[in-house]
Amino acid sequence: MTPPAVGTPARPLLAGRVAVVVVYTAAMCMNGLDSTIVNPALFSIAEDFGRPVSAANAVETAFLVGLALGLPVAGWLGDRYGVKRVFLGSLAAFTLVSALCAAAPGLGTLSAARAVQGVAGGLLTPVGMTLLFRAFAPHERAGLGRFLIVPTALMPALGPPLGGFLTEHLSWHWLFLVNVPIGAAAVLIGLIGLRGEEEPPAGRFDTTGFLLATPGLGLLTYALGFGPAHGWTSPGVALGGLLGLALLGAAVRHQLRAPEPLVDLRLLADRTFGAASWLALLTSAGLMGALFALPLLVQAVRGASALDAGLSVFPEAIGLMAASQVVDRLLPRLGPRRLALPGLLLAAAVLAALGFAENPWAVRALMFAVGLILGTAVLTVQIAGFADVPPPAMGRAMGLFTILRTLGGALGIAATAALIGAVDDGAGAGPYRLALLLTAALVAAGALLALRLPAEAPGPPPED
């Protein structure tokens, strides 16, 4: 290794692309973990504050609503103030609010803090992905699967068992305190090692788009979050859902006509990016719906404990970790279409089989297969979808992609919950099997979109 020249300052140990990977992974792990870690603690939180469990559900819904509020403005903020600055600012806010959640004196304060945490998380995801994808050329991104999969798959799956363990052996306050040292270290590394880049012109802020899209997404997420528990015809849910849909419809109309839209829906006209974005919505709906329905099936029909139910879905995360290695090796050889298309069809078959598996080890083996097969397809789609997106459009494209993926997850949970509630007549496993068949159908529908993916993997740029 050649030593630095005399008079040249030594570079930090974690600088450039290494710092990008380290800080991105740490931030996304915190964000992914916080999307599921609170679920097992809701009974304890409600008991501590003397409130019913149904009221404690607001803690989770507030996070999801905040997430929806932050997503539409992430791309513009990154272009206007710089991706590095927005990312580290959001990470610092996420860390600080985590400490405030742990110290919350009441349920209302905790829910409000969770909403702010969700807004910061909504900014972190697309801005962090922009930071990562700008640091690596398209032909290098297949190797990013091992970093993308940890926060997006392992952490949400680890959330329920970790949340149950911390709540049982320490207290629910530790669900939020674990973020503080990780977040503080990641911010420090980012300040030292991340480089600022010249951003494309941000243009004027689309105020009309903001006033339509942001409350529209928030209200729809609220309705999807509370609908299964409170009933779709309850006034708050029905009004929120209808108003959210109306605002989103007006937002779509405006975004397609505005010269500088907040969310550039015209990017969906691109054959590859458009197919990848809609595929993200369908696969997220299928996966999140299955992760919602299967634990209920295991508990309600087969008599498993809550811990056993959580552990029954955890092999999916292990399969996803293995998928990151598969994509790295197979994508350059097979190309996106030949890798994603059979993967989606096979994953749909495995999801359908889950409803009929009786043996606990058979369930775990099938969940591992879901993670491996569907994870391979999802990572392939995500990498291929951004291969032709130019760097100036990366922030807006990532924001749009993340909005569709997040909305897909909420729709998948709501659809499976509604189906279970509509047909649950005490007939045993029937409603849950139908819900899992629905998730299989959603993933299988994505195979049609996979036909629009390119046949060849992105290659290195030509040498000068």
Protein backbone atom coordinates (compact mmCIF):
# COMPACT_ATOMS: atom_id res chain seq x y z
CA MET A 1 0.00 0.00 0.00
CA THR A 2 1.47 3.35 -1.05
CA PRO A 3 1.64 5.87 1.81
CA PRO A 4 0.06 9.25 1.28
CA ALA A 5 2.30 11.90 -0.18
CA VAL A 6 3.93 14.41 2.14
CA GLY A 7 1.53 17.22 2.86
CA THR A 8 -1.50 15.17 1.80
CA PRO A 9 -3.95 14.64 4.68
CA ALA A 10 -4.68 10.99 5.46
CA ARG A 11 -8.16 9.84 4.47
CA PRO A 12 -10.47 8.64 7.26
CA LEU A 13 -10.61 4.88 7.73
CA LEU A 14 -14.31 4.78 6.86
CA ALA A 15 -14.44 7.09 3.85
CA GLY A 16 -16.18 7.18 0.50
CA ARG A 17 -18.11 4.09 -0.53
CA VAL A 18 -17.23 2.14 2.61
CA ALA A 19 -18.77 4.88 4.75
CA VAL A 20 -21.86 4.94 2.52
CA VAL A 21 -22.43 1.20 3.04
CA VAL A 22 -21.79 1.31 6.80
CA VAL A 23 -24.01 4.33 7.49
CA TYR A 24 -26.77 3.21 5.12
CA THR A 25 -26.91 -0.28 6.63
CA ALA A 26 -26.97 1.04 10.21
CA ALA A 27 -29.72 3.57 9.45
CA MET A 28 -31.90 1.15 7.52
CA CYS A 29 -31.49 -1.53 10.20
CA MET A 30 -32.87 0.92 12.77
CA ASN A 31 -35.73 1.88 10.47
CA GLY A 32 -36.58 -1.71 9.52
CA LEU A 33 -36.42 -2.93 13.12
CA ASP A 34 -38.70 -0.15 14.37
CA SER A 35 -41.42 -1.09 11.88
CA THR A 36 -42.10 -4.38 13.73
CA ILE A 37 -40.31 -4.39 17.11
CA VAL A 38 -43.16 -2.68 18.99
CA ASN A 39 -45.85 -5.24 18.06
CA PRO A 40 -45.14 -7.74 20.91
CA ALA A 41 -44.95 -4.91 23.46
CA LEU A 42 -48.37 -3.37 22.85
CA PHE A 43 -49.94 -5.26 25.77
CA SER A 44 -47.19 -4.03 28.14
CA ILE A 45 -47.39 -0.45 26.85
CA ALA A 46 -51.18 -0.42 27.30
CA GLU A 47 -50.86 -1.85 30.82
CA ASP A 48 -48.19 0.68 31.86
CA PHE A 49 -50.32 3.61 30.74
CA GLY A 50 -53.62 2.15 31.94
CA ARG A 51 -55.13 2.09 28.47
CA PRO A 52 -56.81 -0.66 26.40
CA VAL A 53 -54.74 -2.55 23.86
CA SER A 54 -56.84 -1.13 21.04
CA ALA A 55 -55.66 2.34 22.04
CA ALA A 56 -52.03 1.17 22.12
CA ASN A 57 -52.34 0.18 18.44
CA ALA A 58 -52.05 3.91 17.74
CA VAL A 59 -48.34 3.60 18.52
CA GLU A 60 -47.82 1.44 15.43
CA THR A 61 -50.29 3.23 13.19
CA ALA A 62 -48.74 6.60 14.05
CA PHE A 63 -45.36 5.32 12.83
CA LEU A 64 -46.85 4.11 9.54
CA VAL A 65 -48.74 7.37 8.99
CA GLY A 66 -45.59 9.38 9.68
CA LEU A 67 -43.71 7.16 7.23
CA ALA A 68 -46.29 7.96 4.54
CA LEU A 69 -46.01 11.70 5.26
CA GLY A 70 -42.23 11.74 4.83
CA LEU A 71 -41.98 9.77 1.60
CA PRO A 72 -43.39 12.27 -0.96
CA VAL A 73 -41.00 15.10 -0.06
CA ALA A 74 -37.82 12.99 0.29
CA GLY A 75 -36.70 13.32 -3.33
CA TRP A 76 -37.16 17.11 -3.49
CA LEU A 77 -35.47 17.67 -0.13
CA GLY A 78 -32.47 15.59 -1.25
CA ASP A 79 -32.14 17.62 -4.45
CA ARG A 80 -32.64 20.94 -2.65
CA TYR A 81 -30.44 20.51 0.41
CA GLY A 82 -28.14 17.67 -0.60
CA VAL A 83 -28.56 13.92 -0.12
CA LYS A 84 -25.84 13.72 2.54
CA ARG A 85 -27.30 16.57 4.59
CA VAL A 86 -30.89 15.31 4.45
CA PHE A 87 -29.86 11.73 5.19
CA LEU A 88 -27.73 12.59 8.22
CA GLY A 89 -30.31 15.11 9.47
CA SER A 90 -33.07 12.50 9.24
CA LEU A 91 -30.85 9.93 10.94
CA ALA A 92 -30.06 12.34 13.79
CA ALA A 93 -33.78 13.15 14.19
CA PHE A 94 -34.69 9.44 14.16
CA THR A 95 -32.11 8.78 16.89
CA LEU A 96 -33.19 11.71 19.06
CA VAL A 97 -36.88 10.88 18.79
CA SER A 98 -36.10 7.25 19.70
CA ALA A 99 -34.82 8.54 23.04
CA LEU A 100 -37.96 10.66 23.43
CA CYS A 101 -40.13 7.58 22.76
CA ALA A 102 -38.34 5.71 25.54
CA ALA A 103 -38.97 8.59 27.96
CA ALA A 104 -42.60 9.24 26.92
CA PRO A 105 -44.82 9.89 30.01
CA GLY A 106 -48.07 8.84 28.33
CA LEU A 107 -49.59 7.05 25.36
CA GLY A 108 -50.42 10.28 23.53
CA THR A 109 -46.85 11.53 23.82
CA LEU A 110 -45.49 8.16 22.70
CA SER A 111 -47.80 8.07 19.66
CA ALA A 112 -46.83 11.63 18.70
CA ALA A 113 -43.14 10.81 19.02
CA ARG A 114 -43.64 7.67 16.93
CA ALA A 115 -45.30 9.78 14.22
CA VAL A 116 -42.24 12.08 14.10
CA GLN A 117 -40.00 9.02 14.07
CA GLY A 118 -42.01 7.73 11.11
CA VAL A 119 -41.53 11.00 9.19
CA ALA A 120 -37.76 10.74 9.72
CA GLY A 121 -37.89 7.10 8.64
CA GLY A 122 -39.87 8.05 5.54
CA LEU A 123 -37.07 10.43 4.54
CA LEU A 124 -34.31 7.97 5.42
CA THR A 125 -35.36 5.16 3.10
CA PRO A 126 -35.42 6.82 -0.36
CA VAL A 127 -32.64 9.30 0.43
CA GLY A 128 -30.45 6.49 1.80
CA MET A 129 -31.06 4.36 -1.30
CA THR A 130 -30.19 7.35 -3.48
CA LEU A 131 -26.94 7.77 -1.56
CA LEU A 132 -26.12 4.08 -2.02
CA PHE A 133 -27.04 3.81 -5.71
CA ARG A 134 -25.13 6.97 -6.60
CA ALA A 135 -22.01 5.49 -5.02
CA PHE A 136 -22.12 2.35 -7.19
CA ALA A 137 -22.45 2.02 -10.96
CA PRO A 138 -25.32 -0.11 -12.36
CA HIS A 139 -23.07 -3.10 -13.11
CA GLU A 140 -21.80 -3.07 -9.49
CA ARG A 141 -25.22 -3.09 -7.83
CA ALA A 142 -25.80 -6.85 -7.95
CA GLY A 143 -23.22 -7.07 -5.17
CA LEU A 144 -25.26 -4.66 -3.06
CA GLY A 145 -27.87 -7.33 -2.38
CA ARG A 146 -26.08 -8.44 0.76
CA PHE A 147 -26.37 -4.90 2.15
CA LEU A 148 -29.90 -4.21 0.93
CA ILE A 149 -31.32 -7.41 2.36
CA VAL A 150 -30.17 -6.97 5.96
CA PRO A 151 -32.26 -3.88 6.79
CA THR A 152 -35.17 -4.64 4.47
CA ALA A 153 -35.65 -8.30 5.39
CA LEU A 154 -33.68 -9.47 8.41
CA MET A 155 -34.48 -6.54 10.69
CA PRO A 156 -38.28 -6.55 10.22
CA ALA A 157 -38.28 -10.32 10.80
CA LEU A 158 -36.02 -9.97 13.85
CA GLY A 159 -38.27 -7.25 15.30
CA PRO A 160 -41.01 -9.40 16.89
CA PRO A 161 -38.74 -11.93 18.69
CA LEU A 162 -36.33 -9.18 19.79
CA GLY A 163 -39.19 -6.97 20.93
CA GLY A 164 -40.68 -9.80 22.94
CA PHE A 165 -37.33 -10.63 24.53
CA LEU A 166 -36.53 -7.02 25.53
CA THR A 167 -40.04 -6.43 26.87
CA GLU A 168 -40.04 -9.63 28.90
CA HIS A 169 -36.53 -9.36 30.37
CA LEU A 170 -36.00 -5.57 30.55
CA SER A 171 -38.89 -3.24 29.61
CA TRP A 172 -40.57 -1.84 26.51
CA HIS A 173 -38.48 1.34 26.87
CA TRP A 174 -35.48 -0.62 25.57
CA LEU A 175 -37.22 -1.11 22.23
CA PHE A 176 -36.31 2.51 21.50
CA LEU A 177 -33.15 2.91 23.56
CA VAL A 178 -31.30 0.35 21.41
CA ASN A 179 -31.40 2.88 18.56
CA VAL A 180 -29.54 5.62 20.41
CA PRO A 181 -25.92 4.32 20.42
CA ILE A 182 -26.26 2.86 16.90
CA GLY A 183 -27.72 6.05 15.50
CA ALA A 184 -25.20 8.31 17.23
CA ALA A 185 -22.28 6.24 15.91
CA ALA A 186 -23.74 6.20 12.38
CA VAL A 187 -24.20 9.99 12.36
CA LEU A 188 -20.61 10.48 13.51
CA ILE A 189 -19.24 8.13 10.83
CA GLY A 190 -21.38 9.88 8.22
CA LEU A 191 -20.15 13.34 9.19
CA ILE A 192 -16.55 12.18 8.87
CA GLY A 193 -16.69 9.77 5.94
CA LEU A 194 -19.51 10.77 3.58
CA ARG A 195 -18.73 13.14 0.77
CA GLY A 196 -21.12 15.81 -0.37
CA GLU A 197 -21.96 15.87 -4.07
CA GLU A 198 -23.27 18.55 -6.37
CA GLU A 199 -27.00 18.04 -6.64
CA PRO A 200 -29.22 18.59 -9.70
CA PRO A 201 -31.40 21.71 -9.62
CA ALA A 202 -34.30 21.03 -7.28
CA GLY A 203 -36.71 23.36 -9.04
CA ARG A 204 -39.62 25.03 -7.34
CA PHE A 205 -41.33 23.21 -4.51
CA ASP A 206 -44.61 21.73 -5.71
CA THR A 207 -46.86 23.12 -2.98
CA THR A 208 -50.08 21.88 -4.59
CA GLY A 209 -48.67 18.39 -4.97
CA PHE A 210 -47.51 18.43 -1.36
CA LEU A 211 -50.90 19.53 -0.05
CA LEU A 212 -52.62 16.76 -2.03
CA ALA A 213 -50.21 13.81 -1.88
CA THR A 214 -48.99 14.06 1.70
CA PRO A 215 -52.35 14.12 3.53
CA GLY A 216 -53.74 11.70 0.95
CA LEU A 217 -51.09 9.09 1.71
CA GLY A 218 -51.38 9.75 5.44
CA LEU A 219 -55.17 9.36 5.52
CA LEU A 220 -55.11 6.22 3.37
CA THR A 221 -52.43 4.67 5.57
CA TYR A 222 -54.48 5.57 8.66
CA ALA A 223 -57.55 3.85 7.20
CA LEU A 224 -55.59 0.76 6.17
CA GLY A 225 -53.98 0.58 9.61
CA PHE A 226 -57.17 0.89 11.68
CA GLY A 227 -59.66 -0.68 9.25
CA PRO A 228 -59.12 -4.35 10.16
CA ALA A 229 -59.43 -3.71 13.91
CA HIS A 230 -62.06 -0.95 14.04
CA GLY A 231 -64.19 -1.96 11.05
CA TRP A 232 -64.14 -0.51 7.55
CA THR A 233 -67.47 1.24 8.08
CA SER A 234 -66.49 3.05 11.28
CA PRO A 235 -66.70 6.82 10.69
CA GLY A 236 -62.99 7.60 11.16
CA VAL A 237 -61.80 4.75 8.94
CA ALA A 238 -64.39 5.24 6.20
CA LEU A 239 -63.95 9.02 6.08
CA GLY A 240 -60.16 8.77 6.19
CA GLY A 241 -60.05 6.16 3.44
CA LEU A 242 -62.46 7.98 1.10
CA LEU A 243 -60.83 11.37 1.65
CA GLY A 244 -57.36 9.85 1.23
CA LEU A 245 -58.35 8.22 -2.07
CA ALA A 246 -59.90 11.47 -3.31
CA LEU A 247 -56.80 13.48 -2.44
CA LEU A 248 -54.51 10.91 -4.04
CA GLY A 249 -56.63 10.91 -7.19
CA ALA A 250 -56.34 14.69 -7.38
CA ALA A 251 -52.61 14.41 -6.64
CA VAL A 252 -52.08 11.98 -9.52
CA ARG A 253 -53.95 14.30 -11.89
CA HIS A 254 -51.86 17.25 -10.75
CA GLN A 255 -48.52 15.40 -10.82
CA LEU A 256 -49.04 14.33 -14.44
CA ARG A 257 -49.68 17.94 -15.50
CA ALA A 258 -47.24 19.88 -13.33
CA PRO A 259 -43.96 20.95 -15.01
CA GLU A 260 -42.00 20.25 -11.80
CA PRO A 261 -44.03 17.69 -9.82
CA LEU A 262 -43.24 16.70 -6.26
CA VAL A 263 -43.55 13.02 -7.22
CA ASP A 264 -42.67 12.53 -10.87
CA LEU A 265 -45.18 9.88 -11.96
CA ARG A 266 -43.96 10.24 -15.53
CA LEU A 267 -40.98 8.10 -14.53
CA LEU A 268 -43.36 5.13 -14.54
CA ALA A 269 -43.56 5.47 -18.33
CA ASP A 270 -40.06 4.03 -18.53
CA ARG A 271 -40.49 0.35 -19.44
CA THR A 272 -38.03 -1.09 -16.92
CA PHE A 273 -38.48 1.34 -14.02
CA GLY A 274 -42.27 1.28 -14.36
CA ALA A 275 -42.39 -2.53 -14.34
CA ALA A 276 -40.02 -2.67 -11.35
CA SER A 277 -42.07 -0.14 -9.38
CA TRP A 278 -45.41 -1.91 -9.86
CA LEU A 279 -43.70 -5.22 -9.15
CA ALA A 280 -42.44 -3.76 -5.87
CA LEU A 281 -46.03 -2.90 -4.93
CA LEU A 282 -47.34 -6.41 -5.74
CA THR A 283 -44.51 -8.36 -4.12
CA SER A 284 -44.59 -6.17 -1.01
CA ALA A 285 -48.36 -6.70 -0.75
CA GLY A 286 -47.93 -10.46 -1.10
CA LEU A 287 -45.06 -10.77 1.36
CA MET A 288 -46.48 -8.48 4.06
CA GLY A 289 -49.90 -10.09 3.71
CA ALA A 290 -48.35 -13.54 4.21
CA LEU A 291 -46.35 -12.36 7.23
CA PHE A 292 -49.62 -11.06 8.69
CA ALA A 293 -51.79 -14.11 7.94
CA LEU A 294 -49.43 -16.98 8.74
CA PRO A 295 -48.85 -16.18 12.46
CA LEU A 296 -52.62 -15.90 12.89
CA LEU A 297 -53.08 -19.29 11.26
CA VAL A 298 -50.40 -20.84 13.47
CA GLN A 299 -51.92 -19.38 16.65
CA ALA A 300 -55.66 -19.52 15.98
CA VAL A 301 -55.85 -22.93 14.31
CA ARG A 302 -52.80 -24.86 15.44
CA GLY A 303 -52.60 -23.60 19.02
CA ALA A 304 -49.07 -22.21 18.90
CA SER A 305 -47.87 -19.56 21.33
CA ALA A 306 -47.09 -16.02 20.23
CA LEU A 307 -43.35 -16.74 20.44
CA ASP A 308 -43.71 -19.92 18.37
CA ALA A 309 -45.76 -18.02 15.81
CA GLY A 310 -43.05 -15.38 15.54
CA LEU A 311 -40.35 -17.99 15.19
CA SER A 312 -42.32 -19.80 12.50
CA VAL A 313 -41.89 -16.84 10.12
CA PHE A 314 -38.29 -16.03 11.06
CA PRO A 315 -36.74 -18.55 8.58
CA GLU A 316 -38.02 -16.22 5.85
CA ALA A 317 -35.35 -13.74 6.91
CA ILE A 318 -32.64 -16.41 6.72
CA GLY A 319 -33.82 -17.26 3.20
CA LEU A 320 -33.61 -13.60 2.25
CA MET A 321 -30.05 -13.44 3.52
CA ALA A 322 -29.21 -16.39 1.29
CA ALA A 323 -30.99 -14.66 -1.60
CA SER A 324 -28.50 -11.80 -1.45
CA GLN A 325 -25.72 -14.25 -2.28
CA VAL A 326 -27.76 -15.88 -5.06
CA VAL A 327 -28.48 -12.57 -6.81
CA ASP A 328 -24.83 -11.57 -6.70
CA ARG A 329 -23.89 -14.70 -8.62
CA LEU A 330 -26.87 -15.36 -10.90
CA LEU A 331 -28.00 -11.91 -12.05
CA PRO A 332 -24.92 -11.22 -14.22
CA ARG A 333 -25.32 -14.66 -15.84
CA LEU A 334 -29.07 -14.99 -16.32
CA GLY A 335 -30.25 -11.40 -16.56
CA PRO A 336 -33.23 -9.81 -14.75
CA ARG A 337 -36.07 -11.38 -16.75
CA ARG A 338 -34.84 -15.00 -16.62
CA LEU A 339 -34.10 -14.70 -12.90
CA ALA A 340 -37.23 -12.84 -11.73
CA LEU A 341 -39.96 -14.50 -13.81
CA PRO A 342 -39.57 -18.12 -12.62
CA GLY A 343 -38.78 -16.86 -9.12
CA LEU A 344 -42.12 -15.06 -8.86
CA LEU A 345 -44.09 -18.05 -10.12
CA LEU A 346 -42.32 -20.46 -7.80
CA ALA A 347 -42.72 -18.08 -4.83
CA ALA A 348 -46.46 -17.89 -5.52
CA ALA A 349 -46.68 -21.69 -5.38
CA VAL A 350 -44.81 -21.77 -2.06
CA LEU A 351 -47.10 -19.11 -0.55
CA ALA A 352 -50.15 -21.11 -1.58
CA ALA A 353 -48.66 -24.27 -0.03
CA LEU A 354 -48.16 -22.51 3.32
CA GLY A 355 -51.88 -22.63 4.09
CA PHE A 356 -51.90 -26.42 3.89
CA ALA A 357 -48.68 -27.22 5.79
CA GLU A 358 -49.43 -28.89 9.12
CA ASN A 359 -45.99 -29.82 10.45
CA PRO A 360 -44.17 -26.88 12.16
CA TRP A 361 -40.91 -27.77 10.44
CA ALA A 362 -42.67 -27.89 7.09
CA VAL A 363 -43.95 -24.35 7.76
CA ARG A 364 -40.44 -23.19 8.61
CA ALA A 365 -38.97 -24.83 5.52
CA LEU A 366 -41.59 -23.17 3.31
CA MET A 367 -40.93 -19.78 4.93
CA PHE A 368 -37.22 -20.22 4.22
CA ALA A 369 -38.14 -20.98 0.61
CA VAL A 370 -40.29 -17.84 0.46
CA GLY A 371 -37.37 -15.76 1.62
CA LEU A 372 -34.89 -17.37 -0.75
CA ILE A 373 -37.04 -17.45 -3.88
CA LEU A 374 -39.11 -14.30 -3.50
CA GLY A 375 -36.11 -12.43 -2.10
CA THR A 376 -34.09 -13.33 -5.18
CA ALA A 377 -36.84 -12.01 -7.44
CA VAL A 378 -37.36 -8.82 -5.40
CA LEU A 379 -33.67 -7.92 -5.28
CA THR A 380 -33.35 -8.62 -9.00
CA VAL A 381 -36.26 -6.31 -9.76
CA GLN A 382 -34.93 -3.53 -7.55
CA ILE A 383 -31.44 -3.62 -9.06
CA ALA A 384 -32.71 -3.88 -12.65
CA GLY A 385 -35.29 -1.14 -12.22
CA PHE A 386 -32.72 1.58 -11.55
CA ALA A 387 -30.12 0.51 -14.11
CA ASP A 388 -31.18 3.16 -16.64
CA VAL A 389 -32.25 5.91 -14.22
CA PRO A 390 -29.83 8.85 -14.63
CA PRO A 391 -28.20 10.22 -11.46
CA PRO A 392 -30.11 13.56 -11.58
CA ALA A 393 -33.42 11.67 -11.44
CA MET A 394 -32.31 9.09 -8.88
CA GLY A 395 -33.73 10.88 -5.82
CA ARG A 396 -37.22 11.36 -7.30
CA ALA A 397 -37.24 7.83 -8.73
CA MET A 398 -36.24 6.31 -5.40
CA GLY A 399 -38.94 8.29 -3.60
CA LEU A 400 -41.61 7.08 -6.02
CA PHE A 401 -40.39 3.47 -5.83
CA THR A 402 -40.44 3.55 -2.02
CA ILE A 403 -43.94 5.06 -1.91
CA LEU A 404 -45.33 2.25 -4.07
CA ARG A 405 -43.50 -0.44 -2.10
CA THR A 406 -44.71 0.95 1.25
CA LEU A 407 -48.26 1.37 0.01
CA GLY A 408 -48.17 -2.19 -1.31
CA GLY A 409 -47.25 -3.56 2.12
CA ALA A 410 -50.11 -1.68 3.78
CA LEU A 411 -52.56 -2.84 1.11
CA GLY A 412 -51.43 -6.46 1.50
CA ILE A 413 -52.02 -6.45 5.26
CA ALA A 414 -55.37 -4.70 4.89
CA ALA A 415 -56.57 -7.05 2.13
CA THR A 416 -55.67 -10.23 4.00
CA ALA A 417 -57.17 -8.89 7.25
CA ALA A 418 -60.38 -7.90 5.45
CA LEU A 419 -60.64 -11.31 3.78
CA ILE A 420 -60.12 -13.17 7.06
CA GLY A 421 -62.72 -11.00 8.79
CA ALA A 422 -65.24 -11.38 5.98
CA VAL A 423 -65.19 -15.20 5.80
CA ASP A 424 -64.27 -16.11 9.39
CA ASP A 425 -67.25 -18.22 10.49
CA GLY A 426 -65.46 -20.51 12.88
CA ALA A 427 -64.57 -22.90 10.06
CA GLY A 428 -60.97 -23.36 11.22
CA ALA A 429 -58.14 -22.81 8.78
CA GLY A 430 -60.34 -21.86 5.82
CA PRO A 431 -60.17 -18.04 6.08
CA TYR A 432 -56.41 -18.06 6.64
CA ARG A 433 -55.83 -20.39 3.71
CA LEU A 434 -57.84 -18.06 1.49
CA ALA A 435 -55.73 -15.14 2.70
CA LEU A 436 -52.50 -16.96 1.84
CA LEU A 437 -53.92 -17.89 -1.57
CA LEU A 438 -54.62 -14.17 -2.09
CA THR A 439 -50.98 -13.35 -1.32
CA ALA A 440 -49.91 -16.04 -3.81
CA ALA A 441 -52.15 -14.51 -6.47
CA LEU A 442 -50.63 -11.06 -5.92
CA VAL A 443 -47.10 -12.41 -6.40
CA ALA A 444 -48.11 -14.48 -9.42
CA ALA A 445 -49.64 -11.37 -11.03
CA GLY A 446 -46.22 -9.79 -10.84
CA ALA A 447 -44.90 -12.40 -13.27
CA LEU A 448 -46.70 -10.56 -16.09
CA LEU A 449 -44.78 -7.41 -15.24
CA ALA A 450 -41.52 -9.36 -15.08
CA LEU A 451 -41.84 -9.92 -18.83
CA ARG A 452 -41.05 -6.21 -19.24
CA LEU A 453 -37.69 -6.51 -17.51
CA PRO A 454 -34.57 -6.55 -19.70
CA ALA A 455 -33.13 -9.90 -20.70
CA GLU A 456 -29.53 -8.88 -20.05
CA ALA A 457 -27.97 -7.62 -16.83
CA PRO A 458 -26.42 -4.13 -16.89
CA GLY A 459 -22.79 -4.23 -17.90
CA PRO A 460 -19.84 -1.94 -17.15
CA PRO A 461 -19.65 1.30 -19.09
CA PRO A 462 -17.48 1.22 -22.22
CA GLU A 463 -13.88 2.17 -21.72
CA ASP A 464 -12.68 5.42 -23.24
